């Protein structure tokens, strides 16, 4: 079994599901070295949107249509970054509410690249926290996490800022789990 390298990934989108709605930005960093990071903004694949999603992210679909990267180009660049940054290790997707971010990342990888360098799964930080502490799902929101698991950097709804914040939360949880052994 190859050693693993964990990658915190966050996305912003125009709605709740890929295909119908667009991934608007993607940020990622190595959990063990958050300055090793990747960020991209996408040209939308659809004009459909949920207005609240755009309000939260601050994105404008027309602006992204003009300035964003084509999804194929962006996903190939992300795939290359993941593979290079993994440095021979098995890359593992990590997300805060990974079910949401994962569906977009996986759909875009499969649609535009034909494969996902993370394979078929990932680590959900919220579920990891539940297993670590025994707390229920409703207590796993970032605002309800105890201070020892709060992020070192603010969550801003910028995908890279949030990926870095999530990386610090996950690293703290992993350290806490290891100290229990």
Protein backbone atom coordinates (compact mmCIF):
# COMPACT_ATOMS: atom_id res chain seq x y z
CA UNK A 1 0.00 0.00 0.00
CA UNK A 2 1.37 3.40 -0.99
CA UNK A 3 1.63 6.12 1.62
CA UNK A 4 -1.12 8.75 1.44
CA UNK A 5 -1.11 12.50 1.02
CA UNK A 6 -4.23 14.39 2.04
CA UNK A 7 -5.63 17.26 -0.04
CA UNK A 8 -8.21 19.66 1.34
CA UNK A 9 -10.57 20.66 -1.48
CA UNK A 10 -13.34 23.25 -1.51
CA UNK A 11 -15.58 24.49 -4.32
CA UNK A 12 -18.11 27.21 -4.96
CA UNK A 13 -20.97 26.47 -7.34
CA UNK A 14 -24.04 28.02 -8.91
CA UNK A 15 -26.40 25.43 -7.42
CA UNK A 16 -26.80 22.11 -5.62
CA UNK A 17 -25.87 19.51 -8.26
CA UNK A 18 -23.25 19.19 -11.01
CA UNK A 19 -24.27 19.04 -14.64
CA UNK A 20 -27.30 21.22 -14.24
CA UNK A 21 -25.30 23.81 -12.29
CA UNK A 22 -21.69 24.92 -12.66
CA UNK A 23 -18.67 24.63 -10.45
CA UNK A 24 -17.51 28.25 -10.29
CA UNK A 25 -14.23 27.92 -8.39
CA UNK A 26 -12.05 25.25 -6.87
CA UNK A 27 -9.38 25.63 -4.23
CA UNK A 28 -7.13 22.92 -2.87
CA UNK A 29 -4.07 22.55 -0.68
CA UNK A 30 -1.97 19.80 0.81
CA UNK A 31 -3.16 19.27 4.39
CA UNK A 32 0.41 18.93 5.63
CA UNK A 33 1.63 21.99 3.68
CA UNK A 34 -1.25 24.43 3.02
CA UNK A 35 0.99 26.78 1.02
CA UNK A 36 1.18 24.03 -1.61
CA UNK A 37 -2.06 25.16 -3.17
CA UNK A 38 -4.16 25.38 -6.32
CA UNK A 39 -6.96 27.75 -7.30
CA UNK A 40 -9.06 28.19 -10.43
CA UNK A 41 -12.24 29.96 -11.51
CA UNK A 42 -14.34 28.26 -14.22
CA UNK A 43 -16.35 29.34 -17.20
CA UNK A 44 -19.88 28.21 -16.35
CA UNK A 45 -21.20 25.13 -18.16
CA UNK A 46 -24.79 26.34 -17.68
CA UNK A 47 -26.62 29.60 -17.18
CA UNK A 48 -28.76 28.01 -14.46
CA UNK A 49 -28.17 29.24 -10.95
CA UNK A 50 -29.62 29.51 -7.49
CA UNK A 51 -29.42 33.22 -6.63
CA UNK A 52 -28.44 32.50 -3.01
CA UNK A 53 -25.45 30.45 -4.21
CA UNK A 54 -24.19 33.41 -6.22
CA UNK A 55 -24.77 35.78 -3.29
CA UNK A 56 -22.73 33.55 -0.98
CA UNK A 57 -19.81 33.20 -3.41
CA UNK A 58 -19.95 36.71 -4.83
CA UNK A 59 -19.53 35.39 -8.37
CA UNK A 60 -21.18 36.78 -11.49
CA UNK A 61 -21.87 34.20 -14.22
CA UNK A 62 -21.35 36.72 -17.05
CA UNK A 63 -17.98 37.76 -15.61
CA UNK A 64 -16.89 34.13 -15.25
CA UNK A 65 -18.06 33.39 -18.81
CA UNK A 66 -15.64 36.11 -19.96
CA UNK A 67 -12.73 35.52 -17.56
CA UNK A 68 -12.99 31.97 -16.22
CA UNK A 69 -11.00 29.01 -17.49
CA UNK A 70 -12.55 26.39 -19.71
CA UNK A 71 -13.48 23.36 -17.54
CA UNK A 72 -11.28 20.95 -19.54
CA UNK A 73 -8.23 23.18 -19.20
CA UNK A 74 -8.91 23.84 -15.52
CA UNK A 75 -9.46 20.18 -14.61
CA UNK A 76 -6.39 19.02 -16.53
CA UNK A 77 -4.35 21.61 -14.63
CA UNK A 78 -5.85 20.47 -11.32
CA UNK A 79 -5.21 16.82 -12.16
CA UNK A 80 -1.58 17.60 -13.00
CA UNK A 81 -1.19 19.61 -9.78
CA UNK A 82 -2.65 16.78 -7.66
CA UNK A 83 -0.42 14.16 -9.27
CA UNK A 84 2.73 16.32 -8.99
CA UNK A 85 2.00 17.44 -5.43
CA UNK A 86 1.18 13.90 -4.32
CA UNK A 87 4.81 13.10 -5.20
CA UNK A 88 4.28 9.37 -5.65
CA UNK A 89 1.86 9.05 -2.74
CA UNK A 90 -1.81 8.13 -3.01
CA UNK A 91 -3.81 11.41 -3.14
CA UNK A 92 -6.78 11.47 -0.77
CA UNK A 93 -9.62 13.99 -1.16
CA UNK A 94 -10.60 15.74 2.11
CA UNK A 95 -13.61 18.05 2.36
CA UNK A 96 -15.83 19.70 4.93
CA UNK A 97 -19.15 18.23 3.94
CA UNK A 98 -17.26 16.26 1.31
CA UNK A 99 -20.47 14.87 -0.18
CA UNK A 100 -21.19 18.29 -1.67
CA UNK A 101 -17.72 19.24 -2.92
CA UNK A 102 -16.87 15.68 -3.99
CA UNK A 103 -19.86 15.38 -6.32
CA UNK A 104 -18.77 18.44 -8.32
CA UNK A 105 -15.07 17.54 -8.40
CA UNK A 106 -15.77 13.94 -9.38
CA UNK A 107 -18.33 14.92 -12.04
CA UNK A 108 -15.96 17.48 -13.58
CA UNK A 109 -13.02 15.04 -13.55
CA UNK A 110 -15.06 12.26 -15.11
CA UNK A 111 -16.76 14.53 -17.66
CA UNK A 112 -13.73 16.52 -18.77
CA UNK A 113 -10.74 14.25 -18.02
CA UNK A 114 -12.18 10.74 -18.03
CA UNK A 115 -10.74 9.91 -14.62
CA UNK A 116 -10.39 11.24 -11.10
CA UNK A 117 -6.90 11.14 -9.51
CA UNK A 118 -8.56 10.78 -6.09
CA UNK A 119 -10.26 7.55 -7.14
CA UNK A 120 -13.77 6.83 -5.86
CA UNK A 121 -13.90 8.40 -2.43
CA UNK A 122 -12.61 10.80 0.13
CA UNK A 123 -12.60 11.83 3.76
CA UNK A 124 -15.44 13.92 5.12
CA UNK A 125 -14.17 16.15 7.95
CA UNK A 126 -17.62 16.40 9.54
CA UNK A 127 -17.92 12.60 9.70
CA UNK A 128 -14.34 12.32 10.97
CA UNK A 129 -15.24 14.76 13.77
CA UNK A 130 -18.35 12.74 14.65
CA UNK A 131 -16.29 9.55 14.91
CA UNK A 132 -13.56 11.27 16.91
CA UNK A 133 -15.91 12.87 19.45
CA UNK A 134 -19.14 10.86 19.33
CA UNK A 135 -21.06 14.08 18.67
CA UNK A 136 -24.12 14.07 16.38
CA UNK A 137 -24.27 15.51 12.84
CA UNK A 138 -25.93 18.79 13.88
CA UNK A 139 -22.95 19.51 16.15
CA UNK A 140 -20.44 19.06 13.33
CA UNK A 141 -20.94 22.44 11.64
CA UNK A 142 -17.80 24.57 11.65
CA UNK A 143 -19.38 27.18 13.91
CA UNK A 144 -20.15 24.52 16.55
CA UNK A 145 -16.71 22.88 16.61
CA UNK A 146 -14.80 23.36 19.86
CA UNK A 147 -11.97 25.89 19.86
CA UNK A 148 -9.25 23.23 19.55
CA UNK A 149 -10.62 22.32 16.10
CA UNK A 150 -11.38 25.81 14.81
CA UNK A 151 -9.43 26.79 11.68
CA UNK A 152 -6.23 28.82 11.82
CA UNK A 153 -7.45 31.01 8.96
CA UNK A 154 -10.89 32.50 8.29
CA UNK A 155 -13.49 30.85 6.09
CA UNK A 156 -14.46 33.45 3.47
CA UNK A 157 -16.33 31.50 0.75
CA UNK A 158 -13.23 31.83 -1.40
CA UNK A 159 -12.53 28.21 -2.33
CA UNK A 160 -8.79 28.43 -1.58
CA UNK A 161 -9.25 30.25 1.73
CA UNK A 162 -11.79 27.66 2.77
CA UNK A 163 -9.62 24.74 1.64
CA UNK A 164 -6.79 26.07 3.83
CA UNK A 165 -9.15 26.57 6.78
CA UNK A 166 -10.48 23.03 6.35
CA UNK A 167 -6.93 21.67 6.15
CA UNK A 168 -6.12 23.17 9.56
CA UNK A 169 -9.31 21.73 11.09
CA UNK A 170 -8.58 18.28 9.70
CA UNK A 171 -4.92 18.35 10.78
CA UNK A 172 -5.98 19.22 14.33
CA UNK A 173 -8.52 16.39 14.39
CA UNK A 174 -5.99 13.86 13.09
CA UNK A 175 -3.49 15.00 15.74
CA UNK A 176 -6.16 14.62 18.44
CA UNK A 177 -7.03 11.13 17.22
CA UNK A 178 -3.35 10.11 17.25
CA UNK A 179 -2.88 11.46 20.79
CA UNK A 180 -5.70 9.17 22.00
CA UNK A 181 -3.73 6.05 21.02
